[in-house]
N, C-alpha and C. Protein backbone atom coordinates (compact mmCIF):
# COMPACT_ATOMS: atom_id res chain seq x y z
N MET A 1 -5.03 -3.70 -8.71
CA MET A 1 -3.82 -4.11 -8.01
C MET A 1 -4.01 -3.98 -6.51
N THR A 2 -3.25 -4.76 -5.80
CA THR A 2 -3.17 -4.63 -4.35
C THR A 2 -1.78 -4.10 -4.04
N VAL A 3 -1.71 -2.93 -3.42
CA VAL A 3 -0.44 -2.26 -3.23
C VAL A 3 -0.19 -1.99 -1.75
N GLY A 4 1.05 -1.67 -1.44
CA GLY A 4 1.42 -1.21 -0.11
C GLY A 4 1.85 0.24 -0.19
N LEU A 5 1.30 1.06 0.65
CA LEU A 5 1.63 2.48 0.66
C LEU A 5 2.39 2.80 1.95
N GLY A 6 3.57 3.37 1.80
CA GLY A 6 4.40 3.70 2.94
C GLY A 6 3.90 4.94 3.65
N SER A 7 4.81 5.83 3.99
CA SER A 7 4.43 7.04 4.71
C SER A 7 5.32 8.19 4.25
N GLY A 8 4.90 9.41 4.55
CA GLY A 8 5.68 10.58 4.18
C GLY A 8 5.06 11.35 3.01
N ARG A 9 5.62 12.52 2.75
CA ARG A 9 5.03 13.44 1.79
C ARG A 9 4.94 12.88 0.38
N ALA A 10 5.95 12.12 -0.04
CA ALA A 10 5.93 11.58 -1.40
C ALA A 10 4.75 10.62 -1.58
N VAL A 11 4.55 9.74 -0.61
CA VAL A 11 3.44 8.78 -0.70
C VAL A 11 2.10 9.50 -0.59
N TRP A 12 2.03 10.48 0.29
CA TRP A 12 0.77 11.20 0.44
C TRP A 12 0.42 11.95 -0.84
N ARG A 13 1.43 12.42 -1.56
CA ARG A 13 1.19 13.07 -2.86
C ARG A 13 0.71 12.06 -3.89
N VAL A 14 1.23 10.83 -3.83
CA VAL A 14 0.75 9.77 -4.71
C VAL A 14 -0.74 9.52 -4.47
N ILE A 15 -1.14 9.49 -3.22
CA ILE A 15 -2.56 9.29 -2.89
C ILE A 15 -3.40 10.42 -3.48
N GLU A 16 -2.91 11.64 -3.38
CA GLU A 16 -3.64 12.78 -3.95
C GLU A 16 -3.79 12.63 -5.46
N LYS A 17 -2.73 12.18 -6.13
CA LYS A 17 -2.77 12.02 -7.59
C LYS A 17 -3.73 10.88 -7.98
N ILE A 18 -3.78 9.81 -7.17
CA ILE A 18 -4.72 8.72 -7.43
C ILE A 18 -6.15 9.24 -7.35
N GLU A 19 -6.41 10.06 -6.33
CA GLU A 19 -7.75 10.62 -6.16
C GLU A 19 -8.10 11.56 -7.31
N GLU A 20 -7.13 12.38 -7.74
CA GLU A 20 -7.37 13.30 -8.85
C GLU A 20 -7.68 12.55 -10.14
N ARG A 21 -6.99 11.45 -10.36
CA ARG A 21 -7.14 10.71 -11.61
C ARG A 21 -8.39 9.83 -11.65
N PHE A 22 -8.70 9.16 -10.53
CA PHE A 22 -9.76 8.16 -10.55
C PHE A 22 -11.01 8.55 -9.78
N GLY A 23 -10.99 9.69 -9.09
CA GLY A 23 -12.16 10.10 -8.34
C GLY A 23 -12.45 9.16 -7.19
N ASP A 24 -13.75 8.84 -7.00
CA ASP A 24 -14.13 8.03 -5.84
C ASP A 24 -14.14 6.53 -6.13
N GLN A 25 -13.56 6.11 -7.28
CA GLN A 25 -13.49 4.68 -7.60
C GLN A 25 -12.08 4.28 -8.04
N PRO A 26 -11.10 4.41 -7.16
CA PRO A 26 -9.73 4.03 -7.52
C PRO A 26 -9.63 2.53 -7.76
N PRO A 27 -8.86 2.09 -8.78
CA PRO A 27 -8.80 0.67 -9.14
C PRO A 27 -7.77 -0.12 -8.33
N ILE A 28 -7.52 0.30 -7.11
CA ILE A 28 -6.55 -0.41 -6.27
C ILE A 28 -7.13 -0.59 -4.87
N ARG A 29 -6.54 -1.51 -4.15
CA ARG A 29 -6.75 -1.61 -2.71
C ARG A 29 -5.36 -1.66 -2.09
N ALA A 30 -5.26 -1.33 -0.82
CA ALA A 30 -3.92 -1.11 -0.28
C ALA A 30 -3.81 -1.44 1.20
N ALA A 31 -2.58 -1.77 1.59
CA ALA A 31 -2.19 -1.85 3.00
C ALA A 31 -1.38 -0.60 3.31
N PHE A 32 -1.47 -0.10 4.53
CA PHE A 32 -0.91 1.21 4.87
C PHE A 32 0.12 1.09 5.98
N ALA A 33 1.21 1.84 5.83
CA ALA A 33 2.32 1.75 6.78
C ALA A 33 2.18 2.70 7.97
N SER A 34 1.26 3.65 7.90
CA SER A 34 1.11 4.57 9.03
C SER A 34 -0.36 4.95 9.17
N ASN A 35 -0.71 5.40 10.36
CA ASN A 35 -2.08 5.84 10.60
C ASN A 35 -2.44 7.03 9.72
N ARG A 36 -1.47 7.92 9.50
CA ARG A 36 -1.73 9.10 8.65
C ARG A 36 -1.99 8.68 7.21
N THR A 37 -1.20 7.75 6.70
CA THR A 37 -1.41 7.25 5.34
C THR A 37 -2.79 6.61 5.22
N ALA A 38 -3.17 5.83 6.22
CA ALA A 38 -4.48 5.17 6.20
C ALA A 38 -5.61 6.20 6.20
N GLU A 39 -5.44 7.26 6.96
CA GLU A 39 -6.46 8.31 7.03
C GLU A 39 -6.64 8.98 5.67
N LEU A 40 -5.52 9.32 5.01
CA LEU A 40 -5.60 9.98 3.71
C LEU A 40 -6.16 9.03 2.65
N ALA A 41 -5.77 7.76 2.71
CA ALA A 41 -6.25 6.79 1.72
C ALA A 41 -7.75 6.55 1.88
N ARG A 42 -8.23 6.48 3.10
CA ARG A 42 -9.67 6.31 3.32
C ARG A 42 -10.45 7.48 2.73
N ALA A 43 -9.90 8.69 2.90
CA ALA A 43 -10.56 9.87 2.35
C ALA A 43 -10.59 9.82 0.82
N ALA A 44 -9.63 9.10 0.22
CA ALA A 44 -9.59 8.95 -1.24
C ALA A 44 -10.32 7.70 -1.71
N ASN A 45 -11.04 7.04 -0.79
CA ASN A 45 -11.83 5.84 -1.09
C ASN A 45 -10.98 4.66 -1.55
N ILE A 46 -9.74 4.58 -1.08
CA ILE A 46 -8.90 3.42 -1.36
C ILE A 46 -9.23 2.35 -0.33
N GLU A 47 -9.62 1.19 -0.82
CA GLU A 47 -10.02 0.09 0.06
C GLU A 47 -8.81 -0.44 0.84
N ALA A 48 -8.97 -0.64 2.12
CA ALA A 48 -7.90 -1.17 2.96
C ALA A 48 -7.91 -2.69 2.95
N VAL A 49 -6.72 -3.28 2.93
CA VAL A 49 -6.60 -4.74 3.04
C VAL A 49 -5.67 -5.05 4.22
N PRO A 50 -5.97 -6.08 4.97
CA PRO A 50 -5.10 -6.46 6.10
C PRO A 50 -3.96 -7.33 5.63
N LEU A 51 -2.82 -7.21 6.27
CA LEU A 51 -1.72 -8.14 6.02
C LEU A 51 -1.94 -9.35 6.93
N ASP A 52 -2.80 -10.24 6.48
CA ASP A 52 -3.25 -11.36 7.31
C ASP A 52 -2.56 -12.67 6.97
N GLY A 53 -1.49 -12.60 6.19
CA GLY A 53 -0.79 -13.81 5.81
C GLY A 53 -1.32 -14.45 4.54
N ARG A 54 -2.45 -13.96 4.04
CA ARG A 54 -3.03 -14.50 2.81
C ARG A 54 -2.90 -13.54 1.64
N VAL A 55 -2.76 -12.25 1.96
CA VAL A 55 -2.65 -11.22 0.91
C VAL A 55 -1.19 -11.02 0.54
N ARG A 56 -0.91 -11.03 -0.76
CA ARG A 56 0.42 -10.68 -1.26
C ARG A 56 0.29 -9.39 -2.05
N LEU A 57 1.12 -8.40 -1.73
CA LEU A 57 1.06 -7.11 -2.40
C LEU A 57 1.79 -7.17 -3.74
N ASP A 58 1.16 -6.63 -4.78
CA ASP A 58 1.81 -6.58 -6.09
C ASP A 58 2.96 -5.58 -6.10
N LEU A 59 2.79 -4.50 -5.36
CA LEU A 59 3.74 -3.39 -5.42
C LEU A 59 3.73 -2.62 -4.11
N ALA A 60 4.90 -2.21 -3.65
CA ALA A 60 5.01 -1.28 -2.52
C ALA A 60 5.57 0.03 -3.03
N LEU A 61 4.97 1.13 -2.60
CA LEU A 61 5.44 2.47 -2.94
C LEU A 61 5.80 3.19 -1.65
N ASP A 62 6.99 3.79 -1.63
CA ASP A 62 7.40 4.51 -0.43
C ASP A 62 8.48 5.52 -0.80
N GLY A 63 8.71 6.46 0.09
CA GLY A 63 9.76 7.45 -0.11
C GLY A 63 11.05 7.02 0.56
N ALA A 64 11.98 7.94 0.69
CA ALA A 64 13.26 7.67 1.35
C ALA A 64 13.86 8.98 1.81
N ASP A 65 14.60 8.92 2.91
CA ASP A 65 15.32 10.10 3.37
C ASP A 65 16.64 10.25 2.61
N GLU A 66 17.24 9.11 2.27
CA GLU A 66 18.47 9.10 1.47
C GLU A 66 18.47 7.85 0.59
N ILE A 67 19.12 7.96 -0.57
CA ILE A 67 19.32 6.81 -1.44
C ILE A 67 20.74 6.86 -1.98
N ASP A 68 21.47 5.76 -1.84
CA ASP A 68 22.87 5.76 -2.26
C ASP A 68 23.04 5.17 -3.67
N PRO A 69 24.23 5.20 -4.24
CA PRO A 69 24.41 4.71 -5.62
C PRO A 69 24.08 3.24 -5.81
N HIS A 70 24.01 2.45 -4.72
CA HIS A 70 23.71 1.03 -4.82
C HIS A 70 22.24 0.74 -4.52
N MET A 71 21.41 1.78 -4.49
CA MET A 71 19.97 1.68 -4.19
C MET A 71 19.70 1.31 -2.74
N GLY A 72 20.71 1.49 -1.88
CA GLY A 72 20.48 1.36 -0.45
C GLY A 72 19.74 2.59 0.05
N LEU A 73 18.87 2.41 1.03
CA LEU A 73 18.04 3.51 1.52
C LEU A 73 18.25 3.72 3.02
N LEU A 74 18.13 4.98 3.42
CA LEU A 74 17.99 5.33 4.83
C LEU A 74 16.59 5.90 4.96
N LYS A 75 15.78 5.30 5.86
CA LYS A 75 14.40 5.69 6.03
C LYS A 75 14.07 5.80 7.52
N GLY A 76 12.94 6.41 7.80
CA GLY A 76 12.46 6.48 9.17
C GLY A 76 12.37 7.88 9.73
N GLY A 77 12.63 8.89 8.89
CA GLY A 77 12.51 10.27 9.38
C GLY A 77 11.11 10.59 9.86
N GLY A 78 10.11 9.93 9.25
CA GLY A 78 8.73 10.14 9.66
C GLY A 78 8.27 9.22 10.77
N GLY A 79 9.13 8.30 11.18
CA GLY A 79 8.83 7.46 12.33
C GLY A 79 8.09 6.17 12.04
N ALA A 80 7.87 5.83 10.75
CA ALA A 80 7.07 4.64 10.43
C ALA A 80 7.92 3.50 9.88
N LEU A 81 9.20 3.47 10.22
CA LEU A 81 10.12 2.54 9.55
C LEU A 81 9.77 1.08 9.76
N LEU A 82 9.28 0.69 10.92
CA LEU A 82 8.96 -0.72 11.16
C LEU A 82 7.82 -1.18 10.25
N ARG A 83 6.73 -0.43 10.24
CA ARG A 83 5.61 -0.80 9.39
C ARG A 83 5.99 -0.71 7.91
N GLU A 84 6.81 0.28 7.56
CA GLU A 84 7.25 0.40 6.16
C GLU A 84 8.02 -0.84 5.73
N LYS A 85 8.90 -1.32 6.59
CA LYS A 85 9.69 -2.50 6.23
C LYS A 85 8.80 -3.74 6.12
N ILE A 86 7.79 -3.84 6.95
CA ILE A 86 6.84 -4.96 6.86
C ILE A 86 6.07 -4.90 5.55
N ILE A 87 5.63 -3.71 5.17
CA ILE A 87 4.91 -3.53 3.90
C ILE A 87 5.79 -3.97 2.74
N ILE A 88 7.04 -3.50 2.72
CA ILE A 88 7.96 -3.82 1.62
C ILE A 88 8.23 -5.32 1.55
N ALA A 89 8.43 -5.94 2.71
CA ALA A 89 8.70 -7.38 2.75
C ALA A 89 7.51 -8.20 2.28
N SER A 90 6.32 -7.59 2.27
CA SER A 90 5.10 -8.29 1.86
C SER A 90 4.77 -8.08 0.39
N ALA A 91 5.63 -7.37 -0.34
CA ALA A 91 5.34 -7.00 -1.73
C ALA A 91 6.28 -7.70 -2.71
N ASP A 92 5.77 -7.94 -3.91
CA ASP A 92 6.59 -8.54 -4.96
C ASP A 92 7.60 -7.56 -5.53
N ARG A 93 7.30 -6.26 -5.43
CA ARG A 93 8.17 -5.26 -6.03
C ARG A 93 8.10 -3.99 -5.19
N PHE A 94 9.22 -3.29 -5.05
CA PHE A 94 9.28 -2.07 -4.25
C PHE A 94 9.86 -0.94 -5.10
N VAL A 95 9.07 0.11 -5.25
CA VAL A 95 9.48 1.29 -6.01
C VAL A 95 9.57 2.48 -5.05
N VAL A 96 10.69 3.16 -5.09
CA VAL A 96 10.93 4.36 -4.27
C VAL A 96 10.51 5.59 -5.06
N VAL A 97 9.78 6.48 -4.41
CA VAL A 97 9.37 7.75 -5.02
C VAL A 97 9.97 8.86 -4.16
N ALA A 98 10.87 9.65 -4.75
CA ALA A 98 11.55 10.68 -3.96
C ALA A 98 12.03 11.80 -4.88
N GLU A 99 12.72 12.76 -4.30
CA GLU A 99 13.31 13.86 -5.06
C GLU A 99 14.80 13.58 -5.29
N THR A 100 15.35 14.17 -6.34
CA THR A 100 16.76 13.93 -6.66
C THR A 100 17.67 14.40 -5.53
N ARG A 101 17.22 15.35 -4.72
CA ARG A 101 18.07 15.82 -3.63
C ARG A 101 18.27 14.76 -2.54
N LYS A 102 17.48 13.69 -2.59
CA LYS A 102 17.64 12.60 -1.62
C LYS A 102 18.78 11.66 -2.01
N ALA A 103 19.32 11.81 -3.22
CA ALA A 103 20.45 10.98 -3.66
C ALA A 103 21.73 11.45 -3.00
N VAL A 104 22.49 10.53 -2.40
CA VAL A 104 23.72 10.87 -1.68
C VAL A 104 24.82 9.89 -2.09
N ASP A 105 26.05 10.27 -1.77
CA ASP A 105 27.19 9.39 -2.04
C ASP A 105 27.24 8.22 -1.06
N ARG A 106 26.83 8.50 0.19
CA ARG A 106 26.81 7.44 1.21
C ARG A 106 25.65 7.71 2.16
N LEU A 107 25.08 6.65 2.71
CA LEU A 107 24.00 6.81 3.66
C LEU A 107 24.52 7.40 4.97
N GLY A 108 23.72 8.27 5.56
CA GLY A 108 24.13 8.97 6.77
C GLY A 108 24.78 10.30 6.48
N GLN A 109 24.83 10.67 5.23
CA GLN A 109 25.49 11.91 4.84
C GLN A 109 24.74 13.14 5.31
N SER A 110 23.41 13.09 5.26
CA SER A 110 22.62 14.26 5.63
C SER A 110 21.52 13.95 6.65
N PHE A 111 21.27 12.67 6.94
CA PHE A 111 20.26 12.28 7.91
C PHE A 111 20.86 11.32 8.93
N ARG A 112 20.31 11.36 10.14
CA ARG A 112 20.71 10.37 11.14
C ARG A 112 19.90 9.10 10.96
N LEU A 113 20.45 8.00 11.42
CA LEU A 113 19.82 6.69 11.28
C LEU A 113 18.86 6.46 12.44
N PRO A 114 17.57 6.26 12.17
CA PRO A 114 16.63 5.94 13.24
C PRO A 114 16.75 4.47 13.65
N VAL A 115 16.72 4.24 14.95
CA VAL A 115 16.70 2.88 15.49
C VAL A 115 15.50 2.79 16.42
N GLU A 116 14.58 1.90 16.11
CA GLU A 116 13.34 1.76 16.89
C GLU A 116 13.57 0.78 18.03
N VAL A 117 13.23 1.20 19.25
CA VAL A 117 13.48 0.38 20.44
C VAL A 117 12.22 0.30 21.29
N VAL A 118 12.11 -0.78 22.07
CA VAL A 118 10.98 -0.91 22.98
C VAL A 118 11.16 0.08 24.14
N ARG A 119 10.03 0.46 24.74
CA ARG A 119 10.10 1.46 25.80
C ARG A 119 10.69 0.90 27.09
N PHE A 120 10.40 -0.38 27.37
CA PHE A 120 10.90 -0.97 28.61
C PHE A 120 12.44 -1.00 28.60
N GLY A 121 13.02 -0.35 29.59
CA GLY A 121 14.48 -0.36 29.73
C GLY A 121 15.22 0.28 28.58
N TRP A 122 14.59 1.29 27.94
CA TRP A 122 15.23 1.86 26.74
C TRP A 122 16.60 2.46 27.00
N PRO A 123 16.89 3.06 28.18
CA PRO A 123 18.26 3.55 28.40
C PRO A 123 19.31 2.45 28.32
N GLU A 124 18.94 1.24 28.78
CA GLU A 124 19.86 0.11 28.68
C GLU A 124 20.06 -0.29 27.22
N THR A 125 18.99 -0.27 26.44
CA THR A 125 19.11 -0.55 25.01
C THR A 125 19.98 0.50 24.34
N ARG A 126 19.81 1.75 24.74
CA ARG A 126 20.63 2.82 24.18
C ARG A 126 22.11 2.57 24.45
N LYS A 127 22.44 2.09 25.65
CA LYS A 127 23.84 1.77 25.97
C LYS A 127 24.39 0.72 25.02
N ARG A 128 23.56 -0.27 24.69
CA ARG A 128 24.02 -1.32 23.78
C ARG A 128 24.18 -0.77 22.36
N VAL A 129 23.27 0.12 21.96
CA VAL A 129 23.38 0.73 20.62
C VAL A 129 24.64 1.58 20.52
N LEU A 130 25.01 2.24 21.63
CA LEU A 130 26.21 3.08 21.64
C LEU A 130 27.51 2.26 21.56
N GLU A 131 27.41 0.97 21.74
CA GLU A 131 28.57 0.12 21.52
C GLU A 131 28.79 -0.13 20.03
N ILE A 132 27.78 0.22 19.22
CA ILE A 132 27.84 0.00 17.77
C ILE A 132 27.96 1.32 17.00
N LEU A 133 27.23 2.34 17.48
CA LEU A 133 27.19 3.64 16.81
C LEU A 133 27.67 4.73 17.76
N PRO A 134 28.24 5.83 17.21
CA PRO A 134 28.83 6.85 18.09
C PRO A 134 27.83 7.70 18.87
N THR A 135 26.61 7.87 18.35
CA THR A 135 25.61 8.66 19.06
C THR A 135 24.27 7.95 18.97
N ALA A 136 23.39 8.21 19.93
CA ALA A 136 22.03 7.65 19.93
C ALA A 136 21.16 8.57 20.78
N GLU A 137 20.48 9.49 20.13
CA GLU A 137 19.69 10.51 20.82
C GLU A 137 18.21 10.16 20.74
N LEU A 138 17.53 10.18 21.88
CA LEU A 138 16.11 9.90 21.92
C LEU A 138 15.35 10.97 21.14
N ARG A 139 14.53 10.54 20.19
CA ARG A 139 13.73 11.51 19.43
C ARG A 139 12.60 12.04 20.31
N ARG A 140 12.41 13.34 20.25
CA ARG A 140 11.38 13.97 21.06
C ARG A 140 10.45 14.82 20.21
N ARG A 141 9.24 15.07 20.72
CA ARG A 141 8.29 15.94 20.05
C ARG A 141 8.54 17.38 20.47
N ASP A 142 7.71 18.29 19.96
CA ASP A 142 7.92 19.72 20.19
C ASP A 142 7.92 20.08 21.67
N ARG A 143 7.09 19.41 22.47
CA ARG A 143 7.00 19.72 23.89
C ARG A 143 7.99 18.91 24.72
N ASP A 144 9.00 18.41 24.08
CA ASP A 144 10.07 17.63 24.71
C ASP A 144 9.60 16.26 25.20
N GLU A 145 8.41 15.85 24.77
CA GLU A 145 7.94 14.52 25.12
C GLU A 145 8.57 13.51 24.15
N PRO A 146 8.85 12.30 24.59
CA PRO A 146 9.40 11.29 23.69
C PRO A 146 8.47 11.03 22.50
N TYR A 147 9.04 10.89 21.32
CA TYR A 147 8.28 10.53 20.14
C TYR A 147 7.92 9.03 20.25
N VAL A 148 6.65 8.71 20.11
CA VAL A 148 6.18 7.33 20.19
C VAL A 148 5.64 6.92 18.82
N THR A 149 6.11 5.81 18.29
CA THR A 149 5.68 5.35 16.98
C THR A 149 4.25 4.81 17.04
N ASP A 150 3.68 4.53 15.86
CA ASP A 150 2.33 3.95 15.80
C ASP A 150 2.27 2.59 16.49
N GLU A 151 3.38 1.91 16.62
CA GLU A 151 3.43 0.62 17.29
C GLU A 151 3.78 0.76 18.78
N GLY A 152 3.90 2.01 19.27
CA GLY A 152 4.14 2.24 20.69
C GLY A 152 5.59 2.18 21.12
N HIS A 153 6.52 2.27 20.18
CA HIS A 153 7.94 2.20 20.51
C HIS A 153 8.59 3.59 20.50
N LEU A 154 9.86 3.64 20.91
CA LEU A 154 10.65 4.87 20.90
C LEU A 154 11.65 4.81 19.76
N LEU A 155 12.19 5.99 19.40
CA LEU A 155 13.18 6.07 18.34
C LEU A 155 14.46 6.71 18.86
N LEU A 156 15.59 6.11 18.54
CA LEU A 156 16.90 6.70 18.78
C LEU A 156 17.45 7.16 17.43
N ASP A 157 17.81 8.43 17.33
CA ASP A 157 18.42 8.94 16.10
C ASP A 157 19.93 8.91 16.27
N CYS A 158 20.60 8.19 15.37
CA CYS A 158 22.01 7.86 15.56
C CYS A 158 22.87 8.36 14.40
N GLU A 159 24.06 8.80 14.72
CA GLU A 159 25.03 9.13 13.68
C GLU A 159 25.45 7.84 12.98
N LEU A 160 25.46 7.88 11.66
CA LEU A 160 25.88 6.72 10.88
C LEU A 160 27.24 7.04 10.27
N PRO A 161 28.34 6.54 10.85
CA PRO A 161 29.66 6.87 10.35
C PRO A 161 29.93 6.17 9.02
N PRO A 162 30.89 6.67 8.25
CA PRO A 162 31.24 6.00 6.99
C PRO A 162 31.68 4.56 7.26
N THR A 163 31.14 3.64 6.47
CA THR A 163 31.51 2.23 6.61
C THR A 163 31.35 1.54 5.27
N ASP A 164 32.18 0.57 5.02
CA ASP A 164 32.09 -0.21 3.79
C ASP A 164 31.22 -1.45 3.97
N ASP A 165 30.70 -1.66 5.17
CA ASP A 165 29.93 -2.88 5.43
C ASP A 165 28.63 -2.54 6.15
N LEU A 166 27.71 -1.92 5.42
CA LEU A 166 26.42 -1.55 6.01
C LEU A 166 25.60 -2.78 6.38
N GLU A 167 25.76 -3.85 5.63
CA GLU A 167 24.98 -5.06 5.92
C GLU A 167 25.39 -5.65 7.27
N ARG A 168 26.68 -5.63 7.58
CA ARG A 168 27.14 -6.12 8.88
C ARG A 168 26.60 -5.23 9.99
N LEU A 169 26.64 -3.92 9.78
CA LEU A 169 26.12 -2.98 10.77
C LEU A 169 24.63 -3.21 10.98
N ALA A 170 23.89 -3.38 9.90
CA ALA A 170 22.45 -3.63 10.00
C ALA A 170 22.18 -4.90 10.81
N ALA A 171 22.95 -5.95 10.58
CA ALA A 171 22.77 -7.20 11.31
C ALA A 171 23.10 -7.02 12.79
N GLN A 172 24.13 -6.23 13.09
CA GLN A 172 24.48 -5.98 14.49
C GLN A 172 23.35 -5.28 15.22
N LEU A 173 22.78 -4.27 14.59
CA LEU A 173 21.70 -3.52 15.21
C LEU A 173 20.48 -4.41 15.41
N LYS A 174 20.13 -5.17 14.38
CA LYS A 174 18.94 -6.02 14.46
C LYS A 174 19.10 -7.10 15.54
N GLY A 175 20.34 -7.49 15.80
CA GLY A 175 20.59 -8.51 16.81
C GLY A 175 20.77 -7.97 18.21
N THR A 176 20.60 -6.67 18.39
CA THR A 176 20.77 -6.05 19.71
C THR A 176 19.49 -6.16 20.53
N VAL A 177 19.59 -6.68 21.72
CA VAL A 177 18.42 -6.84 22.59
C VAL A 177 17.77 -5.48 22.84
N GLY A 178 16.46 -5.41 22.63
CA GLY A 178 15.72 -4.16 22.84
C GLY A 178 15.48 -3.40 21.55
N VAL A 179 16.24 -3.70 20.50
CA VAL A 179 16.04 -3.04 19.20
C VAL A 179 14.97 -3.80 18.43
N VAL A 180 13.99 -3.05 17.95
CA VAL A 180 12.91 -3.65 17.17
C VAL A 180 13.26 -3.64 15.68
N GLU A 181 13.74 -2.49 15.19
CA GLU A 181 14.07 -2.34 13.78
C GLU A 181 14.96 -1.13 13.61
N HIS A 182 15.54 -0.98 12.43
CA HIS A 182 16.40 0.17 12.12
C HIS A 182 16.06 0.69 10.73
N GLY A 183 16.59 1.86 10.41
CA GLY A 183 16.23 2.54 9.17
C GLY A 183 17.11 2.25 7.98
N LEU A 184 17.93 1.21 8.02
CA LEU A 184 18.70 0.79 6.85
C LEU A 184 17.85 -0.18 6.03
N PHE A 185 17.52 0.21 4.82
CA PHE A 185 16.73 -0.62 3.90
C PHE A 185 17.67 -1.00 2.76
N LEU A 186 18.34 -2.12 2.92
CA LEU A 186 19.38 -2.55 1.98
C LEU A 186 18.88 -3.70 1.11
N ARG A 187 19.22 -3.65 -0.17
CA ARG A 187 18.83 -4.70 -1.12
C ARG A 187 17.32 -4.92 -1.13
N MET A 188 16.55 -3.86 -0.99
CA MET A 188 15.09 -3.98 -0.96
C MET A 188 14.43 -3.28 -2.14
N ALA A 189 15.00 -2.18 -2.61
CA ALA A 189 14.38 -1.40 -3.68
C ALA A 189 14.67 -2.01 -5.05
N ASP A 190 13.63 -2.12 -5.86
CA ASP A 190 13.79 -2.60 -7.24
C ASP A 190 13.97 -1.45 -8.22
N GLU A 191 13.36 -0.33 -7.91
CA GLU A 191 13.41 0.82 -8.81
C GLU A 191 13.22 2.09 -8.01
N ALA A 192 13.80 3.18 -8.46
CA ALA A 192 13.62 4.49 -7.82
C ALA A 192 13.22 5.51 -8.87
N LEU A 193 12.20 6.28 -8.57
CA LEU A 193 11.75 7.37 -9.42
C LEU A 193 12.08 8.66 -8.68
N LEU A 194 13.10 9.38 -9.17
CA LEU A 194 13.59 10.57 -8.49
C LEU A 194 13.20 11.81 -9.29
N GLY A 195 12.33 12.62 -8.71
CA GLY A 195 11.83 13.80 -9.39
C GLY A 195 12.79 14.97 -9.32
N ARG A 196 12.95 15.63 -10.46
CA ARG A 196 13.76 16.85 -10.53
C ARG A 196 12.88 18.08 -10.35
N PRO A 197 13.49 19.23 -9.98
CA PRO A 197 12.69 20.45 -9.80
C PRO A 197 11.92 20.87 -11.05
N ASP A 198 12.44 20.51 -12.25
CA ASP A 198 11.75 20.91 -13.48
C ASP A 198 10.61 19.96 -13.86
N GLY A 199 10.36 18.93 -13.02
CA GLY A 199 9.27 18.02 -13.30
C GLY A 199 9.69 16.74 -14.00
N SER A 200 10.91 16.68 -14.49
CA SER A 200 11.39 15.44 -15.11
C SER A 200 11.74 14.43 -14.03
N VAL A 201 11.93 13.17 -14.44
CA VAL A 201 12.15 12.08 -13.49
C VAL A 201 13.39 11.27 -13.90
N ASP A 202 14.28 11.06 -12.93
CA ASP A 202 15.40 10.12 -13.12
C ASP A 202 14.93 8.75 -12.66
N VAL A 203 15.13 7.75 -13.49
CA VAL A 203 14.75 6.39 -13.17
C VAL A 203 15.99 5.57 -12.88
N ARG A 204 16.01 4.95 -11.71
CA ARG A 204 17.13 4.07 -11.35
C ARG A 204 16.59 2.68 -11.09
N SER A 205 17.36 1.68 -11.46
CA SER A 205 16.98 0.30 -11.17
C SER A 205 18.22 -0.54 -10.99
N LEU A 206 18.04 -1.69 -10.37
CA LEU A 206 19.16 -2.59 -10.13
C LEU A 206 19.51 -3.35 -11.40
């Protein structure tokens, strides 16, 4: 199979399990959503494939920060949301791998919404985002330096207030000048595998 691998602990654990099961000859090749995922996959001898417009992924695997009852996702806590969304859009099927504690009644309940913006004039972009969302805080690293994504952009972490129209909100954000992408992954997941602490798995599908 040709698969897409997202980013985060759940995906990295999947890579470890692939290596444990198949050794140095895994029967897949993959596109990677983050530099860290690519590094771990190379160490597991997973062949890399480019998204060159000719490759179609059979399956995308990725985690989520939150998943709501309608299989809507909030993602981007690890900062790879743009590449993750490109990977998912390039796949025939998208399966979420996460823990049951990531299931919420509404998105934004326990995580802020990441909004990826270009560096040029980012304070002006932030002003435009604040016309849509109540808060927009620049994500920073431990030394108070701005967090920069693998694509060289900045992230604004925003409060996501309760709303009955997430799709309208997503469209507003995507249409804002200076915004590259946002962490709302709506109508994208086909199935979710949610692990319980006892090792059992809840399976959700549309």
